Amino acid sequence: MRSGSQIDIDMTPPVHEAEAMVCVLEAKHGAWAAEVADFFSTFHSLKGDAGRSWAWAGVAELARRRAEARQTEQ
């Protein structure tokens, strides 16, 4: 049973925010951007924050898609 003070918040970032997060990670960490996002996803999961873990997992997936798209362009 949940207490009344617990609030469910959807932590899934809008697409434009996830893209901005990926751009920052790519600028700071280059090819490691997806792995850095995975680190944050795992960190939040271990701390019990499923919403933030889910959001970072989405950022990691987007980073991988962008890296794959760059590879296919070459």
C-alpha atoms as a PDB file:
ATOM      1  CA  MET A   1       0.000   0.000   0.000  1.00  0.00           C
ATOM      2  CA  ARG A   2       1.263   3.445  -0.871  1.00  0.00           C
ATOM      3  CA  SER A   3       1.291   6.385   1.428  1.00  0.00           C
ATOM      4  CA  GLY A   4      -0.551   9.527   0.394  1.00  0.00           C
ATOM      5  CA  SER A   5       2.669  11.540   0.303  1.00  0.00           C
ATOM      6  CA  GLN A   6       4.186   9.439  -2.480  1.00  0.00           C
ATOM      7  CA  ILE A   7       3.831  11.063  -5.902  1.00  0.00           C
ATOM      8  CA  ASP A   8       4.271   9.299  -9.232  1.00  0.00           C
ATOM      9  CA  ILE A   9       6.234  11.516 -11.580  1.00  0.00           C
ATOM     10  CA  ASP A  10       6.861  10.594 -15.194  1.00  0.00           C
ATOM     11  CA  MET A  11      10.595  11.162 -15.618  1.00  0.00           C
ATOM     12  CA  THR A  12      10.611  10.318 -19.335  1.00  0.00           C
ATOM     13  CA  PRO A  13      12.169  13.347 -20.976  1.00  0.00           C
ATOM     14  CA  PRO A  14      10.521  14.833 -24.065  1.00  0.00           C
ATOM     15  CA  VAL A  15      12.358  13.923 -27.270  1.00  0.00           C
ATOM     16  CA  HIS A  16      13.928  17.374 -27.648  1.00  0.00           C
ATOM     17  CA  GLU A  17      15.315  17.192 -24.095  1.00  0.00           C
ATOM     18  CA  ALA A  18      16.701  13.684 -24.630  1.00  0.00           C
ATOM     19  CA  GLU A  19      18.357  14.873 -27.839  1.00  0.00           C
ATOM     20  CA  ALA A  20      19.889  17.810 -25.971  1.00  0.00           C
ATOM     21  CA  MET A  21      21.186  15.445 -23.276  1.00  0.00           C
ATOM     22  CA  VAL A  22      22.745  13.226 -25.958  1.00  0.00           C
ATOM     23  CA  CYS A  23      24.392  16.237 -27.612  1.00  0.00           C
ATOM     24  CA  VAL A  24      25.975  17.241 -24.303  1.00  0.00           C
ATOM     25  CA  LEU A  25      27.159  13.691 -23.607  1.00  0.00           C
ATOM     26  CA  GLU A  26      28.580  13.364 -27.118  1.00  0.00           C
ATOM     27  CA  ALA A  27      30.378  16.690 -26.779  1.00  0.00           C
ATOM     28  CA  LYS A  28      31.900  15.761 -23.421  1.00  0.00           C
ATOM     29  CA  HIS A  29      32.445  12.006 -23.825  1.00  0.00           C
ATOM     30  CA  GLY A  30      32.491  11.350 -27.580  1.00  0.00           C
ATOM     31  CA  ALA A  31      32.035   7.690 -28.476  1.00  0.00           C
ATOM     32  CA  TRP A  32      31.414   6.854 -24.807  1.00  0.00           C
ATOM     33  CA  ALA A  33      28.165   8.873 -24.622  1.00  0.00           C
ATOM     34  CA  ALA A  34      25.859   5.831 -24.532  1.00  0.00           C
ATOM     35  CA  GLU A  35      27.980   4.133 -21.879  1.00  0.00           C
ATOM     36  CA  VAL A  36      27.921   7.248 -19.702  1.00  0.00           C
ATOM     37  CA  ALA A  37      24.125   7.381 -20.005  1.00  0.00           C
ATOM     38  CA  ASP A  38      23.998   3.661 -19.123  1.00  0.00           C
ATOM     39  CA  PHE A  39      26.083   4.408 -16.029  1.00  0.00           C
ATOM     40  CA  PHE A  40      23.557   7.012 -14.874  1.00  0.00           C
ATOM     41  CA  SER A  41      20.697   4.624 -15.655  1.00  0.00           C
ATOM     42  CA  THR A  42      22.284   1.892 -13.543  1.00  0.00           C
ATOM     43  CA  PHE A  43      23.157   4.322 -10.760  1.00  0.00           C
ATOM     44  CA  HIS A  44      19.573   5.522 -10.446  1.00  0.00           C
ATOM     45  CA  SER A  45      18.256   1.957 -10.694  1.00  0.00           C
ATOM     46  CA  LEU A  46      20.467   0.859  -7.805  1.00  0.00           C
ATOM     47  CA  LYS A  47      19.273   3.846  -5.788  1.00  0.00           C
ATOM     48  CA  GLY A  48      15.650   2.823  -6.396  1.00  0.00           C
ATOM     49  CA  ASP A  49      14.730   5.674  -8.743  1.00  0.00           C
ATOM     50  CA  ALA A  50      13.091   3.813 -11.612  1.00  0.00           C
ATOM     51  CA  GLY A  51      11.853   6.982 -13.326  1.00  0.00           C
ATOM     52  CA  ARG A  52      15.277   8.536 -13.695  1.00  0.00           C
ATOM     53  CA  SER A  53      16.766   5.158 -14.588  1.00  0.00           C
ATOM     54  CA  TRP A  54      14.219   4.819 -17.388  1.00  0.00           C
ATOM     55  CA  ALA A  55      14.943   8.343 -18.623  1.00  0.00           C
ATOM     56  CA  TRP A  56      18.703   7.722 -18.786  1.00  0.00           C
ATOM     57  CA  ALA A  57      18.126   4.376 -20.527  1.00  0.00           C
ATOM     58  CA  GLY A  58      16.193   6.270 -23.204  1.00  0.00           C
ATOM     59  CA  VAL A  59      19.068   8.726 -23.579  1.00  0.00           C
ATOM     60  CA  ALA A  60      21.517   5.817 -23.948  1.00  0.00           C
ATOM     61  CA  GLU A  61      19.356   4.231 -26.643  1.00  0.00           C
ATOM     62  CA  LEU A  62      19.116   7.525 -28.530  1.00  0.00           C
ATOM     63  CA  ALA A  63      22.900   7.948 -28.318  1.00  0.00           C
ATOM     64  CA  ARG A  64      23.364   4.463 -29.791  1.00  0.00           C
ATOM     65  CA  ARG A  65      20.930   5.189 -32.621  1.00  0.00           C
ATOM     66  CA  ARG A  66      22.751   8.424 -33.456  1.00  0.00           C
ATOM     67  CA  ALA A  67      26.135   6.656 -33.428  1.00  0.00           C
ATOM     68  CA  GLU A  68      24.776   3.924 -35.679  1.00  0.00           C
ATOM     69  CA  ALA A  69      23.328   6.495 -38.080  1.00  0.00           C
ATOM     70  CA  ARG A  70      26.723   8.209 -38.284  1.00  0.00           C
ATOM     71  CA  GLN A  71      28.363   4.871 -39.069  1.00  0.00           C
ATOM     72  CA  THR A  72      25.954   4.108 -41.890  1.00  0.00           C
ATOM     73  CA  GLU A  73      26.522   7.569 -43.415  1.00  0.00           C
ATOM     74  CA  GLN A  74      30.226   6.868 -43.890  1.00  0.00           C
END
